[in-house]
Amino acid sequence: MKRVVVDASAMAAVVFGEPRAGEVAERLDGALVHAPTLLAYELANVAWKKARRDARCAPAICRALADAFDDGTGIVWCSVSHADVALIALATGLSAYDASYVWLAGFLGADLVTFDERLAAAVMA
């Protein structure tokens, strides 16, 4: 079974029904999906930002977030090596948050599903 690591930019598209959700769903289909535990917090932050932009949509946004976790994401939640993440961040110029996805993809030998071009480039390096 193919293993992938999904980041917040890609998973948010699915959780919040964004236009590129189909692309992500296609890449995740049939794969064993992994993510650092950080992803859950990043998705909550995306929900917060979306709700602040349009308070009328806040209940639907928060419901989408809750549903994603209540229904079971199917994600294998992983811890990362924080020291290695810091080294990757220093070497690449990425944030430690983004470097967590790079570390996990490298550790697992998995593809990274992301819409973040800098992050994707760091995995390829």
Protein backbone atom coordinates (compact mmCIF):
# COMPACT_ATOMS: atom_id res chain seq x y z
CA MET A 1 0.00 0.00 0.00
CA LYS A 2 1.30 3.44 -0.91
CA ARG A 3 2.10 5.74 2.02
CA VAL A 4 1.60 9.50 1.87
CA VAL A 5 2.00 12.40 4.26
CA VAL A 6 -0.69 15.08 4.01
CA ASP A 7 -0.16 18.67 5.12
CA ALA A 8 -2.60 21.34 6.24
CA SER A 9 -2.87 23.05 2.84
CA ALA A 10 -4.09 19.83 1.24
CA MET A 11 -6.19 18.47 4.11
CA ALA A 12 -7.93 21.82 4.61
CA ALA A 13 -9.12 21.63 1.02
CA VAL A 14 -10.89 18.36 1.82
CA VAL A 15 -12.20 19.30 5.26
CA PHE A 16 -13.59 22.68 4.19
CA GLY A 17 -14.74 21.71 0.69
CA GLU A 18 -12.33 23.97 -1.15
CA PRO A 19 -12.12 23.91 -4.96
CA ARG A 20 -9.06 21.62 -5.13
CA ALA A 21 -10.45 19.01 -2.72
CA GLY A 22 -10.88 16.52 -5.56
CA GLU A 23 -7.18 16.63 -6.37
CA VAL A 24 -6.32 15.77 -2.78
CA ALA A 25 -8.93 13.03 -2.53
CA GLU A 26 -7.53 11.45 -5.69
CA ARG A 27 -3.97 11.45 -4.28
CA LEU A 28 -5.12 10.02 -0.95
CA ASP A 29 -7.36 7.35 -2.47
CA GLY A 30 -6.03 3.90 -1.65
CA ALA A 31 -3.07 5.28 0.31
CA LEU A 32 -2.15 4.91 3.95
CA VAL A 33 -2.26 8.56 5.06
CA HIS A 34 0.12 9.87 7.72
CA ALA A 35 0.50 13.28 9.34
CA PRO A 36 2.31 14.81 12.27
CA THR A 37 0.00 15.49 15.20
CA LEU A 38 0.56 19.16 14.38
CA LEU A 39 -1.94 18.83 11.51
CA ALA A 40 -4.92 18.80 13.85
CA TYR A 41 -3.88 22.16 15.32
CA GLU A 42 -3.20 23.61 11.91
CA LEU A 43 -6.67 22.61 10.72
CA ALA A 44 -8.18 24.25 13.80
CA ASN A 45 -6.22 27.39 12.93
CA VAL A 46 -7.52 27.30 9.35
CA ALA A 47 -11.06 27.05 10.73
CA TRP A 48 -10.41 30.03 13.01
CA LYS A 49 -9.09 32.14 10.12
CA LYS A 50 -12.02 31.23 7.90
CA ALA A 51 -14.51 32.00 10.68
CA ARG A 52 -12.89 35.37 11.39
CA ARG A 53 -13.19 36.32 7.72
CA ASP A 54 -16.89 35.51 7.65
CA ALA A 55 -18.50 35.15 11.08
CA ARG A 56 -21.81 34.08 9.51
CA CYS A 57 -20.10 30.91 8.29
CA ALA A 58 -18.41 30.14 11.62
CA PRO A 59 -20.93 27.46 12.70
CA ALA A 60 -20.61 25.60 9.38
CA ILE A 61 -16.84 25.91 9.41
CA CYS A 62 -16.56 24.56 12.95
CA ARG A 63 -19.02 21.79 12.12
CA ALA A 64 -16.88 20.77 9.12
CA LEU A 65 -13.83 20.62 11.36
CA ALA A 66 -15.64 18.59 14.02
CA ASP A 67 -17.09 16.25 11.40
CA ALA A 68 -13.65 15.59 9.95
CA PHE A 69 -12.45 14.31 13.31
CA ASP A 70 -15.73 12.73 14.48
CA ASP A 71 -15.98 10.65 11.32
CA GLY A 72 -12.39 9.55 11.73
CA THR A 73 -9.85 11.06 9.42
CA GLY A 74 -8.24 7.75 8.59
CA ILE A 75 -4.93 9.46 9.30
CA VAL A 76 -2.11 7.70 11.09
CA TRP A 77 -0.99 10.37 13.58
CA CYS A 78 2.78 10.48 14.04
CA SER A 79 5.27 12.10 16.35
CA VAL A 80 8.34 13.69 14.79
CA SER A 81 11.92 14.16 15.88
CA HIS A 82 11.87 17.78 17.02
CA ALA A 83 15.66 18.15 16.87
CA ASP A 84 15.71 16.84 13.30
CA VAL A 85 12.80 19.12 12.40
CA ALA A 86 14.76 22.13 13.71
CA LEU A 87 17.76 21.12 11.61
CA ILE A 88 15.60 20.74 8.50
CA ALA A 89 14.04 24.13 9.14
CA LEU A 90 17.49 25.71 9.44
CA ALA A 91 18.73 24.01 6.28
CA THR A 92 15.70 24.81 4.14
CA GLY A 93 14.42 28.11 5.49
CA LEU A 94 11.04 26.50 6.16
CA SER A 95 9.17 26.99 9.42
CA ALA A 96 9.50 24.21 11.96
CA TYR A 97 5.84 23.45 11.28
CA ASP A 98 6.48 22.84 7.58
CA ALA A 99 9.72 21.03 8.31
CA SER A 100 7.69 18.53 10.36
CA TYR A 101 5.97 17.36 7.19
CA VAL A 102 9.29 17.15 5.34
CA TRP A 103 10.83 15.11 8.15
CA LEU A 104 7.89 12.71 8.31
CA ALA A 105 7.79 12.17 4.55
CA GLY A 106 11.52 11.46 4.56
CA PHE A 107 11.33 9.21 7.61
CA LEU A 108 8.54 7.15 6.07
CA GLY A 109 9.82 7.30 2.49
CA ALA A 110 6.39 8.65 1.60
CA ASP A 111 5.11 11.16 -0.91
CA LEU A 112 3.99 14.50 0.47
CA VAL A 113 0.55 15.76 -0.55
CA THR A 114 0.66 19.56 -0.36
CA PHE A 115 -0.32 22.68 -2.28
CA ASP A 116 2.63 24.56 -0.76
CA GLU A 117 5.26 24.87 -3.49
CA ARG A 118 8.14 25.68 -1.11
CA LEU A 119 7.29 22.66 0.99
CA ALA A 120 7.04 20.37 -2.04
CA ALA A 121 10.39 21.66 -3.32
CA ALA A 122 12.04 20.94 0.04
CA VAL A 123 10.91 17.32 -0.13
CA MET A 124 12.37 16.99 -3.61
CA ALA A 125 15.75 18.42 -2.53
